[in-house]
Amino acid sequence: MADGIGVLVCVKRVPDSSSEVLLTEDAQAVDGSKAGFTTSPHEECAVEIATQLVGGADGGEATVLTLGDKDAAEQLRSALAVGCQQATHVVADAHTLGPADIAREIAAVVKDHEAAGRTHDLVLLGSDAADSGDFQVGIRLAYELSRPVVNGATTVTIEDGPDGRMAVAVGKGPEGQETYRVPLPAVITIREGGVEPRYPSVKGRMQAKKVQIEERTLAGEPRGPQRVKLLLPPPTPSSVQILGEGPAAAPAVVDLFEQLGVLAR
């Protein structure tokens, strides 16, 4: 790893939002007991970027990290199956932790790994949490580590600068595409859309099962999410117009097709 780059990519076990979104009884979290669990699209893209960065000629090491209960190891195995080489699991109830707690725990992992000789030059996270909508962890983590941070990048590359290696983060801003160059080590949050996440192969899943996951407990006392409750958005209003019944509805259907531009007379 002398010439390669060390990347730590952080993922979270979240309910699958492709089906109906329900809240827990205390309205503090999204209930995934019926929908199942997955990794958010932002974090899938972060994993893909991490594996691309360490797959170049200089090599390197990509480590995936999650904070959650025992079942969250499933998301770690998925990341290992697509190219991450190491995994760290902070075993805890994520619902009892707020963004400040999570940032502190990630920072503790980075510092402990560095003390053991494993350097994470770049820490990647999703731009926001897919379940609770928190946008704070990346900023708080950068503050904890005293590192520069870029929010909402869609692609990341590494290049040599006059004073060392630089991370080049590209994303979309109010005026169009924005490019930031920050010195390593750095923190970057990823938004989906810049890369296409790969899916685990059978071979990748088999190899992932052999990787020993590092398990840790919390480094500090939780301060809690400090939220009142989550609210679901109101349902989107819909209306239905009856065009008619049987053959008598045919003229109205033709008129509708003309309005939609599907049919021209």
Protein backbone atom coordinates (compact mmCIF):
# COMPACT_ATOMS: atom_id res chain seq x y z
CA MET A 1 0.00 0.00 0.00
CA ALA A 2 3.00 2.28 -0.18
CA ASP A 3 2.07 3.46 -3.69
CA GLY A 4 -1.62 2.60 -3.62
CA ILE A 5 -4.50 4.44 -2.02
CA GLY A 6 -6.44 3.35 1.02
CA VAL A 7 -10.19 3.97 0.77
CA LEU A 8 -12.77 3.52 3.50
CA VAL A 9 -16.34 3.41 2.16
CA CYS A 10 -19.22 3.64 4.64
CA VAL A 11 -22.58 1.96 4.03
CA LYS A 12 -25.80 1.64 6.01
CA ARG A 13 -28.40 -1.11 6.15
CA VAL A 14 -31.66 0.60 5.16
CA PRO A 15 -35.20 -0.57 4.33
CA ASP A 16 -35.90 -1.19 0.67
CA SER A 17 -37.86 1.87 -0.46
CA SER A 18 -39.10 0.29 -3.69
CA SER A 19 -42.24 -0.83 -1.86
CA GLU A 20 -44.57 0.99 0.55
CA VAL A 21 -42.68 3.03 3.15
CA LEU A 22 -43.83 2.47 6.73
CA LEU A 23 -42.60 3.95 10.01
CA THR A 24 -41.92 2.18 13.29
CA GLU A 25 -44.46 2.68 16.07
CA ASP A 26 -42.36 5.38 17.73
CA ALA A 27 -41.89 7.18 14.35
CA GLN A 28 -38.13 7.27 14.91
CA ALA A 29 -37.18 5.08 11.94
CA VAL A 30 -38.41 3.53 8.72
CA ASP A 31 -39.78 0.04 9.29
CA GLY A 32 -38.11 -2.50 7.03
CA SER A 33 -39.52 -5.64 8.63
CA LYS A 34 -41.88 -6.23 5.68
CA ALA A 35 -40.05 -4.52 2.80
CA GLY A 36 -36.62 -6.07 3.40
CA PHE A 37 -33.26 -4.31 3.60
CA THR A 38 -30.64 -3.10 1.15
CA THR A 39 -27.88 -0.54 0.58
CA SER A 40 -28.94 2.88 -0.70
CA PRO A 41 -28.15 3.79 -4.36
CA HIS A 42 -25.83 6.59 -3.20
CA GLU A 43 -23.74 4.15 -1.18
CA GLU A 44 -23.76 1.51 -3.94
CA CYS A 45 -22.15 4.17 -6.14
CA ALA A 46 -19.66 5.00 -3.36
CA VAL A 47 -18.68 1.32 -3.19
CA GLU A 48 -18.23 1.23 -6.97
CA ILE A 49 -16.02 4.34 -6.89
CA ALA A 50 -13.94 2.86 -4.06
CA THR A 51 -13.31 -0.36 -5.96
CA GLN A 52 -12.42 1.57 -9.12
CA LEU A 53 -9.93 3.75 -7.25
CA VAL A 54 -8.04 0.80 -5.80
CA GLY A 55 -8.20 -1.24 -8.99
CA GLY A 56 -5.69 0.85 -10.95
CA ALA A 57 -2.04 0.18 -11.70
CA ASP A 58 -0.90 1.42 -8.29
CA GLY A 59 -3.33 -0.83 -6.45
CA GLY A 60 -4.52 -0.08 -2.95
CA GLU A 61 -7.09 -1.34 -0.49
CA ALA A 62 -10.81 -0.67 -0.17
CA THR A 63 -12.39 -1.26 3.23
CA VAL A 64 -16.15 -1.22 3.74
CA LEU A 65 -17.58 -0.12 7.09
CA THR A 66 -21.05 -0.24 8.57
CA LEU A 67 -22.62 0.57 11.90
CA GLY A 68 -25.62 -1.54 12.79
CA ASP A 69 -26.92 -4.75 14.27
CA LYS A 70 -25.63 -8.22 13.41
CA ASP A 71 -27.80 -8.40 10.30
CA ALA A 72 -25.94 -5.43 8.79
CA ALA A 73 -23.11 -7.84 7.96
CA GLU A 74 -25.20 -8.69 4.87
CA GLN A 75 -24.44 -5.25 3.41
CA LEU A 76 -20.74 -5.71 4.17
CA ARG A 77 -20.71 -9.05 2.34
CA SER A 78 -22.38 -7.42 -0.67
CA ALA A 79 -19.63 -4.78 -0.84
CA LEU A 80 -16.94 -7.44 -0.43
CA ALA A 81 -18.51 -9.39 -3.28
CA VAL A 82 -18.00 -6.52 -5.73
CA GLY A 83 -14.40 -5.69 -4.91
CA CYS A 84 -13.82 -4.36 -1.40
CA GLN A 85 -11.05 -6.31 0.33
CA GLN A 86 -11.63 -5.65 4.03
CA ALA A 87 -14.69 -5.01 6.21
CA THR A 88 -15.31 -3.43 9.61
CA HIS A 89 -18.57 -3.76 11.53
CA VAL A 90 -19.36 -1.49 14.47
CA VAL A 91 -22.04 -3.61 16.12
CA ALA A 92 -24.71 -1.38 17.67
CA ASP A 93 -28.34 -0.35 17.40
CA ALA A 94 -28.15 2.35 14.74
CA HIS A 95 -31.59 3.72 15.74
CA THR A 96 -30.15 4.93 19.05
CA LEU A 97 -27.43 6.97 17.37
CA GLY A 98 -27.50 10.39 15.75
CA PRO A 99 -25.25 11.82 13.02
CA ALA A 100 -22.74 13.12 15.60
CA ASP A 101 -22.49 9.65 17.15
CA ILE A 102 -21.98 7.96 13.79
CA ALA A 103 -19.35 10.47 12.68
CA ARG A 104 -17.48 9.94 15.95
CA GLU A 105 -17.54 6.16 15.51
CA ILE A 106 -16.27 6.31 11.92
CA ALA A 107 -13.50 8.69 13.02
CA ALA A 108 -12.53 6.26 15.79
CA VAL A 109 -12.18 3.47 13.22
CA VAL A 110 -10.02 5.63 10.96
CA LYS A 111 -7.74 6.63 13.84
CA ASP A 112 -7.41 3.09 15.19
CA HIS A 113 -6.61 1.71 11.75
CA GLU A 114 -4.01 4.42 11.18
CA ALA A 115 -2.40 3.58 14.53
CA ALA A 116 -2.16 -0.03 13.30
CA GLY A 117 -0.57 1.01 9.99
CA ARG A 118 -3.70 0.95 7.77
CA THR A 119 -4.15 4.39 6.22
CA HIS A 120 -7.49 5.50 4.80
CA ASP A 121 -6.46 8.33 2.47
CA LEU A 122 -10.04 8.80 1.38
CA VAL A 123 -13.33 8.21 3.21
CA LEU A 124 -16.43 7.88 1.02
CA LEU A 125 -20.04 8.05 2.25
CA GLY A 126 -23.46 8.41 0.66
CA SER A 127 -24.56 12.03 0.40
CA ASP A 128 -27.50 11.32 2.73
CA ALA A 129 -29.11 8.49 4.66
CA ALA A 130 -31.77 6.76 2.57
CA ASP A 131 -34.03 6.12 5.56
CA SER A 132 -33.75 9.11 7.90
CA GLY A 133 -32.60 11.70 5.36
CA ASP A 134 -29.61 12.85 7.43
CA PHE A 135 -27.09 14.89 5.42
CA GLN A 136 -24.77 15.55 8.36
CA VAL A 137 -22.42 12.60 8.80
CA GLY A 138 -19.92 13.52 6.07
CA ILE A 139 -19.47 17.08 7.35
CA ARG A 140 -19.23 16.00 10.98
CA LEU A 141 -16.74 13.26 10.10
CA ALA A 142 -14.51 15.72 8.22
CA TYR A 143 -14.58 17.98 11.27
CA GLU A 144 -13.66 15.06 13.56
CA LEU A 145 -10.71 14.13 11.33
CA SER A 146 -9.71 17.72 10.40
CA ARG A 147 -9.95 16.85 6.72
CA PRO A 148 -11.32 18.72 3.69
CA VAL A 149 -14.74 17.56 2.51
CA VAL A 150 -16.73 17.63 -0.73
CA ASN A 151 -20.48 16.95 -0.70
CA GLY A 152 -22.53 15.33 -3.44
CA ALA A 153 -19.83 14.23 -5.90
CA THR A 154 -20.83 11.81 -8.65
CA THR A 155 -17.31 10.79 -9.73
CA VAL A 156 -13.94 10.78 -7.97
CA THR A 157 -10.47 10.31 -9.42
CA ILE A 158 -6.97 10.67 -7.99
CA GLU A 159 -4.22 12.75 -9.56
CA ASP A 160 -0.77 13.96 -8.58
CA GLY A 161 -0.54 17.58 -7.45
CA PRO A 162 2.42 19.86 -6.69
CA ASP A 163 2.19 19.02 -3.00
CA GLY A 164 1.07 15.40 -3.25
CA ARG A 165 -1.92 13.39 -4.38
CA MET A 166 -5.26 15.11 -4.89
CA ALA A 167 -8.81 13.84 -5.05
CA VAL A 168 -10.76 15.28 -7.99
CA ALA A 169 -14.48 15.27 -7.18
CA VAL A 170 -17.03 16.15 -9.86
CA GLY A 171 -20.70 16.82 -9.16
CA LYS A 172 -23.68 18.92 -10.21
CA GLY A 173 -24.18 22.35 -8.71
CA PRO A 174 -26.78 25.12 -9.19
CA GLU A 175 -24.96 26.42 -12.26
CA GLY A 176 -24.01 23.06 -13.78
CA GLN A 177 -21.02 20.78 -13.37
CA GLU A 178 -18.61 21.59 -10.54
CA THR A 179 -15.09 20.21 -10.04
CA TYR A 180 -13.21 20.28 -6.74
CA ARG A 181 -9.59 19.31 -6.14
CA VAL A 182 -8.76 18.58 -2.50
CA PRO A 183 -5.54 17.22 -0.99
CA LEU A 184 -5.53 13.77 0.56
CA PRO A 185 -6.51 12.66 3.11
CA ALA A 186 -10.09 13.82 2.50
CA VAL A 187 -13.77 12.99 3.00
CA ILE A 188 -16.19 12.91 0.04
CA THR A 189 -19.91 12.15 0.00
CA ILE A 190 -21.31 10.48 -3.12
CA ARG A 191 -24.54 11.03 -5.00
CA GLU A 192 -25.82 8.43 -7.46
CA GLY A 193 -25.69 9.05 -11.20
CA GLY A 194 -21.99 9.21 -12.04
CA VAL A 195 -21.12 5.51 -12.07
CA GLU A 196 -23.00 2.28 -12.64
CA PRO A 197 -22.76 -0.02 -9.61
CA ARG A 198 -21.82 -3.59 -10.43
CA TYR A 199 -23.75 -6.49 -9.00
CA PRO A 200 -22.16 -9.38 -7.11
CA SER A 201 -21.32 -12.47 -9.12
CA VAL A 202 -21.58 -15.98 -7.72
CA LYS A 203 -17.78 -16.12 -7.53
CA GLY A 204 -17.70 -12.76 -5.76
CA ARG A 205 -20.24 -13.89 -3.18
CA MET A 206 -18.28 -17.06 -2.49
CA GLN A 207 -15.06 -15.09 -2.00
CA ALA A 208 -16.85 -12.58 0.26
CA LYS A 209 -17.89 -15.38 2.62
CA LYS A 210 -14.22 -16.14 3.30
CA VAL A 211 -13.31 -12.60 4.43
CA GLN A 212 -12.95 -12.16 8.19
CA ILE A 213 -15.03 -9.14 9.24
CA GLU A 214 -13.53 -6.97 11.95
CA GLU A 215 -16.12 -6.44 14.67
CA ARG A 216 -16.02 -3.49 17.06
CA THR A 217 -18.16 -2.04 19.82
CA LEU A 218 -18.99 1.63 20.25
CA ALA A 219 -16.05 3.85 21.10
CA GLY A 220 -18.18 6.39 22.99
CA GLU A 221 -21.50 6.86 24.75
CA PRO A 222 -24.43 7.50 22.38
CA ARG A 223 -26.02 10.92 22.54
CA GLY A 224 -29.02 9.79 20.53
CA PRO A 225 -30.62 10.90 17.25
CA GLN A 226 -32.14 14.02 18.90
CA ARG A 227 -35.08 14.01 16.52
CA VAL A 228 -38.74 14.49 17.43
CA LYS A 229 -40.14 12.03 14.90
CA LEU A 230 -40.25 11.18 11.23
CA LEU A 231 -43.26 12.07 9.09
CA LEU A 232 -44.41 10.45 5.87
CA PRO A 233 -45.26 12.84 3.03
CA PRO A 234 -48.98 13.12 2.24
CA PRO A 235 -50.15 10.74 -0.50
CA THR A 236 -50.10 12.15 -4.00
CA PRO A 237 -53.67 13.07 -5.00
CA SER A 238 -55.06 11.21 -7.97
CA SER A 239 -58.24 11.45 -9.99
CA VAL A 240 -59.99 9.17 -12.43
CA GLN A 241 -62.13 10.32 -15.34
CA ILE A 242 -64.64 7.85 -16.77
CA LEU A 243 -64.67 8.24 -20.57
CA GLY A 244 -67.72 6.07 -21.05
CA GLU A 245 -68.75 2.46 -21.33
CA GLY A 246 -68.59 0.06 -24.25
CA PRO A 247 -68.58 1.27 -27.87
CA ALA A 248 -69.98 4.65 -26.81
CA ALA A 249 -66.60 5.49 -25.22
CA ALA A 250 -64.68 5.12 -28.50
CA PRO A 251 -64.91 8.80 -29.60
CA ALA A 252 -63.69 9.98 -26.18
CA VAL A 253 -60.75 7.57 -26.35
CA VAL A 254 -59.80 8.89 -29.79
CA ASP A 255 -59.98 12.47 -28.50
CA LEU A 256 -57.73 11.54 -25.57
CA PHE A 257 -55.15 9.94 -27.86
CA GLU A 258 -55.11 13.11 -29.95
CA GLN A 259 -54.51 15.22 -26.84
CA LEU A 260 -51.59 12.99 -25.84
CA GLY A 261 -50.10 13.18 -29.33
CA VAL A 262 -50.40 9.44 -29.86
CA LEU A 263 -52.88 9.72 -32.70
CA ALA A 264 -53.21 12.31 -35.46
CA ARG A 265 -56.12 12.73 -37.83
